[in-house]
Amino acid sequence: MRVLLVEDDAALAAEIAAALRAENFAVDHTADGEDGAHLGETEAYDAAVLDLGLPKLDGISVLRHWRAAGRPLPVLILTARDGWSDKVQGFKAGADDYLVKPFRIEELVMRLRALVRRSRGHADSRIACGALVFDAQLGTFERDGLPLKLTALEWRVLSCLMLRKEVIVPRLDLMERVYEGDAEVDSNSIEVIIARLRRKIGHSAIETSRGLGYRLTAGADGAG
């Protein structure tokens, strides 16, 4: 999963980014509203964390820009303002959730996971596909009831496939949602990650649709 963080407080932004990366999210950060508006319109993100008090362009204007451009990404607003009118303004502009500073980073992570899960049409936090179970609220995977140990990149690919289980996910979509914007990526990196995942969850659990992408399926998930 890839998140856009638009926050001008350098210390807070570093804390949020570190916490999200520790939970396997890919994070792109910008400190001003103009860059945030551009990134949110042109790049692929699973969600955005958006501060309201930004230089160059305020958060409400950024959000309105995204919605006017037809960008449906879930948006969690951060603000030092706790007045009801400010919250109403944010929701009217298209926000999906709201956190007032100061807040616990753990709560932000949990709220963000919930936003991403619901945006993919999953009401239940536990998502099953054959022997594989993803707790989208805790960010954990199990296979046959046992914890599945994954690298950050493996987790991002598998969570993307799991949230769209039984649907072909384009290779480019996986590329865009697995790596941060400044990452140097090898052309066959997704294929390498898919191969590692197949060794962990069963080769036939991830189908290749040549020229299109990959599909996580419950049809046959035996080992190897």
Protein backbone atom coordinates (compact mmCIF):
# COMPACT_ATOMS: atom_id res chain seq x y z
CA MET A 1 0.00 0.00 0.00
CA ARG A 2 1.22 3.46 -0.88
CA VAL A 3 0.28 6.60 1.06
CA LEU A 4 0.68 10.28 0.27
CA LEU A 5 1.58 12.36 3.32
CA VAL A 6 1.08 16.13 2.97
CA GLU A 7 2.36 17.73 6.20
CA ASP A 8 4.55 20.81 6.69
CA ASP A 9 5.63 20.05 10.27
CA ALA A 10 8.94 18.31 9.59
CA ALA A 11 9.16 16.51 12.94
CA LEU A 12 5.57 15.25 12.80
CA ALA A 13 5.92 14.21 9.17
CA ALA A 14 9.07 12.22 9.98
CA GLU A 15 7.30 10.51 12.89
CA ILE A 16 4.26 9.61 10.78
CA ALA A 17 6.34 8.40 7.84
CA ALA A 18 8.53 6.24 10.09
CA ALA A 19 5.49 4.70 11.77
CA LEU A 20 3.80 3.93 8.45
CA ARG A 21 6.95 2.43 6.95
CA ALA A 22 7.36 0.29 10.08
CA GLU A 23 3.88 -1.06 9.26
CA ASN A 24 5.00 -1.83 5.68
CA PHE A 25 3.37 1.16 3.95
CA ALA A 26 5.20 2.96 1.15
CA VAL A 27 5.15 6.70 1.92
CA ASP A 28 5.63 9.75 -0.31
CA HIS A 29 5.91 13.01 1.62
CA THR A 30 5.58 16.64 0.59
CA ALA A 31 5.45 19.72 2.79
CA ASP A 32 3.36 22.11 0.71
CA GLY A 33 -0.12 22.12 -0.73
CA GLU A 34 0.79 22.76 -4.35
CA ASP A 35 3.03 19.69 -4.54
CA GLY A 36 0.43 17.68 -2.63
CA ALA A 37 -2.31 18.66 -5.07
CA HIS A 38 -0.11 17.66 -8.02
CA LEU A 39 1.01 14.32 -6.55
CA GLY A 40 -2.49 13.34 -5.47
CA GLU A 41 -3.79 14.02 -8.98
CA THR A 42 -1.01 12.35 -10.97
CA GLU A 43 0.27 9.44 -8.84
CA ALA A 44 -1.42 6.24 -7.63
CA TYR A 45 -2.07 6.11 -3.89
CA ASP A 46 -4.18 3.91 -1.65
CA ALA A 47 -4.83 6.83 0.72
CA ALA A 48 -3.67 10.32 1.68
CA VAL A 49 -2.90 11.91 5.04
CA LEU A 50 -3.53 15.63 4.58
CA ASP A 51 -2.79 18.51 6.93
CA LEU A 52 -5.09 21.54 6.67
CA GLY A 53 -2.60 24.29 7.54
CA LEU A 54 -0.21 24.06 4.57
CA PRO A 55 1.95 26.62 2.77
CA LYS A 56 1.18 27.67 -0.83
CA LEU A 57 -2.23 25.91 -0.86
CA ASP A 58 -4.30 24.99 2.19
CA GLY A 59 -5.50 21.45 2.79
CA ILE A 60 -9.17 22.12 2.04
CA SER A 61 -8.21 23.57 -1.35
CA VAL A 62 -5.96 20.56 -2.03
CA LEU A 63 -8.82 18.20 -1.21
CA ARG A 64 -11.27 20.11 -3.39
CA HIS A 65 -8.73 19.97 -6.21
CA TRP A 66 -8.48 16.18 -5.95
CA ARG A 67 -12.23 15.68 -5.85
CA ALA A 68 -12.80 18.07 -8.76
CA ALA A 69 -10.25 16.02 -10.72
CA GLY A 70 -12.22 12.86 -9.91
CA ARG A 71 -9.61 11.37 -7.57
CA PRO A 72 -11.40 8.93 -5.24
CA LEU A 73 -8.49 8.16 -2.90
CA PRO A 74 -9.48 8.00 0.80
CA VAL A 75 -8.31 11.09 2.68
CA LEU A 76 -7.55 11.39 6.38
CA ILE A 77 -7.34 15.02 7.46
CA LEU A 78 -4.96 16.24 10.17
CA THR A 79 -5.54 19.58 11.84
CA ALA A 80 -4.86 21.58 14.97
CA ARG A 81 -8.39 22.97 14.70
CA ASP A 82 -11.00 21.11 16.73
CA GLY A 83 -14.05 23.26 15.99
CA TRP A 84 -17.10 21.51 14.55
CA SER A 85 -17.31 23.99 11.65
CA ASP A 86 -13.78 23.06 10.55
CA LYS A 87 -14.70 19.38 10.56
CA VAL A 88 -17.86 20.06 8.57
CA GLN A 89 -15.85 22.04 6.04
CA GLY A 90 -13.42 19.15 5.68
CA PHE A 91 -16.12 16.54 5.18
CA LYS A 92 -17.98 18.76 2.71
CA ALA A 93 -14.77 19.07 0.71
CA GLY A 94 -14.57 15.27 0.49
CA ALA A 95 -12.62 14.06 3.54
CA ASP A 96 -13.20 10.50 4.73
CA ASP A 97 -11.87 10.81 8.28
CA TYR A 98 -10.47 13.39 10.67
CA LEU A 99 -7.80 13.51 13.39
CA VAL A 100 -7.18 16.51 15.64
CA LYS A 101 -3.62 17.23 16.77
CA PRO A 102 -2.15 16.01 19.03
CA PHE A 103 -3.04 12.39 18.35
CA ARG A 104 -1.55 8.94 18.85
CA ILE A 105 0.33 7.65 15.81
CA GLU A 106 -1.13 4.20 16.45
CA GLU A 107 -4.63 5.60 15.97
CA LEU A 108 -3.65 7.20 12.68
CA VAL A 109 -2.30 3.87 11.42
CA MET A 110 -5.48 2.02 12.42
CA ARG A 111 -7.75 4.64 10.87
CA LEU A 112 -5.73 4.60 7.67
CA ARG A 113 -5.93 0.83 7.38
CA ALA A 114 -9.70 1.00 7.88
CA LEU A 115 -10.05 3.64 5.15
CA VAL A 116 -8.07 1.57 2.66
CA ARG A 117 -10.01 -1.60 3.50
CA ARG A 118 -13.42 0.05 3.15
CA SER A 119 -12.39 1.79 -0.07
CA ARG A 120 -11.86 -1.69 -1.54
CA GLY A 121 -15.35 -2.79 -0.49
CA HIS A 122 -14.48 -4.90 2.57
CA ALA A 123 -16.71 -4.37 5.60
CA ASP A 124 -15.05 -7.12 7.67
CA SER A 125 -11.47 -6.53 8.76
CA ARG A 126 -10.60 -10.22 8.28
CA ILE A 127 -10.38 -11.10 4.61
CA ALA A 128 -9.98 -14.74 3.57
CA CYS A 129 -8.85 -16.26 0.29
CA GLY A 130 -8.47 -20.02 0.55
CA ALA A 131 -6.00 -20.89 3.30
CA LEU A 132 -4.82 -17.28 3.46
CA VAL A 133 -6.32 -14.76 5.91
CA PHE A 134 -5.48 -11.05 6.01
CA ASP A 135 -6.41 -9.04 9.09
CA ALA A 136 -6.61 -5.67 7.38
CA GLN A 137 -7.00 -3.82 10.68
CA LEU A 138 -3.90 -5.33 12.29
CA GLY A 139 -1.97 -5.69 9.04
CA THR A 140 -1.18 -9.39 9.62
CA PHE A 141 -1.35 -12.44 7.37
CA GLU A 142 -1.97 -16.07 8.30
CA ARG A 143 -1.77 -19.22 6.20
CA ASP A 144 -3.46 -22.37 7.51
CA GLY A 145 -3.84 -20.57 10.85
CA LEU A 146 -0.12 -19.83 11.21
CA PRO A 147 1.49 -16.34 11.01
CA LEU A 148 3.03 -15.56 7.65
CA LYS A 149 6.37 -13.76 7.73
CA LEU A 150 6.75 -11.27 4.89
CA THR A 151 9.17 -8.55 3.87
CA ALA A 152 7.77 -5.04 3.44
CA LEU A 153 7.64 -5.39 -0.35
CA GLU A 154 6.03 -8.82 -0.14
CA TRP A 155 3.44 -7.44 2.28
CA ARG A 156 2.58 -4.55 -0.05
CA VAL A 157 2.13 -6.82 -3.06
CA LEU A 158 0.14 -9.44 -1.17
CA SER A 159 -2.12 -6.89 0.56
CA CYS A 160 -2.85 -5.28 -2.81
CA LEU A 161 -3.76 -8.67 -4.28
CA MET A 162 -5.74 -9.66 -1.19
CA LEU A 163 -7.87 -6.51 -1.15
CA ARG A 164 -8.76 -7.33 -4.77
CA LYS A 165 -8.84 -11.12 -4.47
CA GLU A 166 -10.11 -13.08 -7.46
CA VAL A 167 -9.58 -10.01 -9.65
CA ILE A 168 -6.67 -9.45 -12.04
CA VAL A 169 -4.47 -6.65 -10.70
CA PRO A 170 -2.41 -5.02 -13.46
CA ARG A 171 1.36 -5.27 -13.08
CA LEU A 172 1.69 -1.49 -13.43
CA ASP A 173 -0.82 -1.01 -10.63
CA LEU A 174 1.30 -3.22 -8.36
CA MET A 175 4.42 -1.28 -9.32
CA GLU A 176 2.77 2.05 -8.52
CA ARG A 177 1.44 0.93 -5.13
CA VAL A 178 4.50 -0.98 -3.90
CA TYR A 179 7.32 1.52 -4.39
CA GLU A 180 7.83 5.04 -3.11
CA GLY A 181 8.15 7.79 -5.70
CA ASP A 182 11.93 8.16 -5.41
CA ALA A 183 12.72 4.43 -5.39
CA GLU A 184 15.03 2.91 -8.01
CA VAL A 185 13.18 -0.12 -9.35
CA ASP A 186 14.41 -3.00 -11.50
CA SER A 187 12.18 -3.90 -14.44
CA ASN A 188 11.57 -7.45 -13.15
CA SER A 189 11.13 -6.55 -9.48
CA ILE A 190 7.43 -7.44 -9.30
CA GLU A 191 8.11 -10.84 -10.87
CA VAL A 192 10.78 -11.50 -8.23
CA ILE A 193 8.42 -10.57 -5.40
CA ILE A 194 5.62 -12.71 -6.87
CA ALA A 195 8.02 -15.68 -7.09
CA ARG A 196 8.97 -15.26 -3.41
CA LEU A 197 5.31 -15.04 -2.41
CA ARG A 198 4.47 -18.19 -4.33
CA ARG A 199 7.10 -20.08 -2.35
CA LYS A 200 5.41 -18.92 0.87
CA ILE A 201 1.70 -19.27 0.04
CA GLY A 202 1.64 -21.81 -2.77
CA HIS A 203 2.54 -21.44 -6.42
CA SER A 204 -1.01 -21.80 -7.72
CA ALA A 205 -2.42 -19.24 -5.28
CA ILE A 206 -1.23 -16.40 -7.54
CA GLU A 207 -2.18 -16.76 -11.18
CA THR A 208 -0.38 -14.93 -13.96
CA SER A 209 -2.53 -13.41 -16.68
CA ARG A 210 0.01 -12.77 -19.41
CA GLY A 211 0.09 -9.21 -20.59
CA LEU A 212 -2.38 -8.17 -17.89
CA GLY A 213 -1.24 -8.87 -14.34
CA TYR A 214 -1.78 -11.20 -11.39
CA ARG A 215 -4.75 -12.67 -9.56
CA LEU A 216 -4.90 -14.06 -6.04
CA THR A 217 -7.24 -17.03 -6.07
CA ALA A 218 -8.68 -19.51 -3.58
CA GLY A 219 -9.17 -22.09 -6.30
CA ALA A 220 -5.93 -23.92 -5.62
CA ASP A 221 -3.54 -22.83 -2.90
CA GLY A 222 -1.45 -25.87 -2.14
CA ALA A 223 2.20 -25.49 -1.19
CA GLY A 224 4.83 -25.13 -3.86
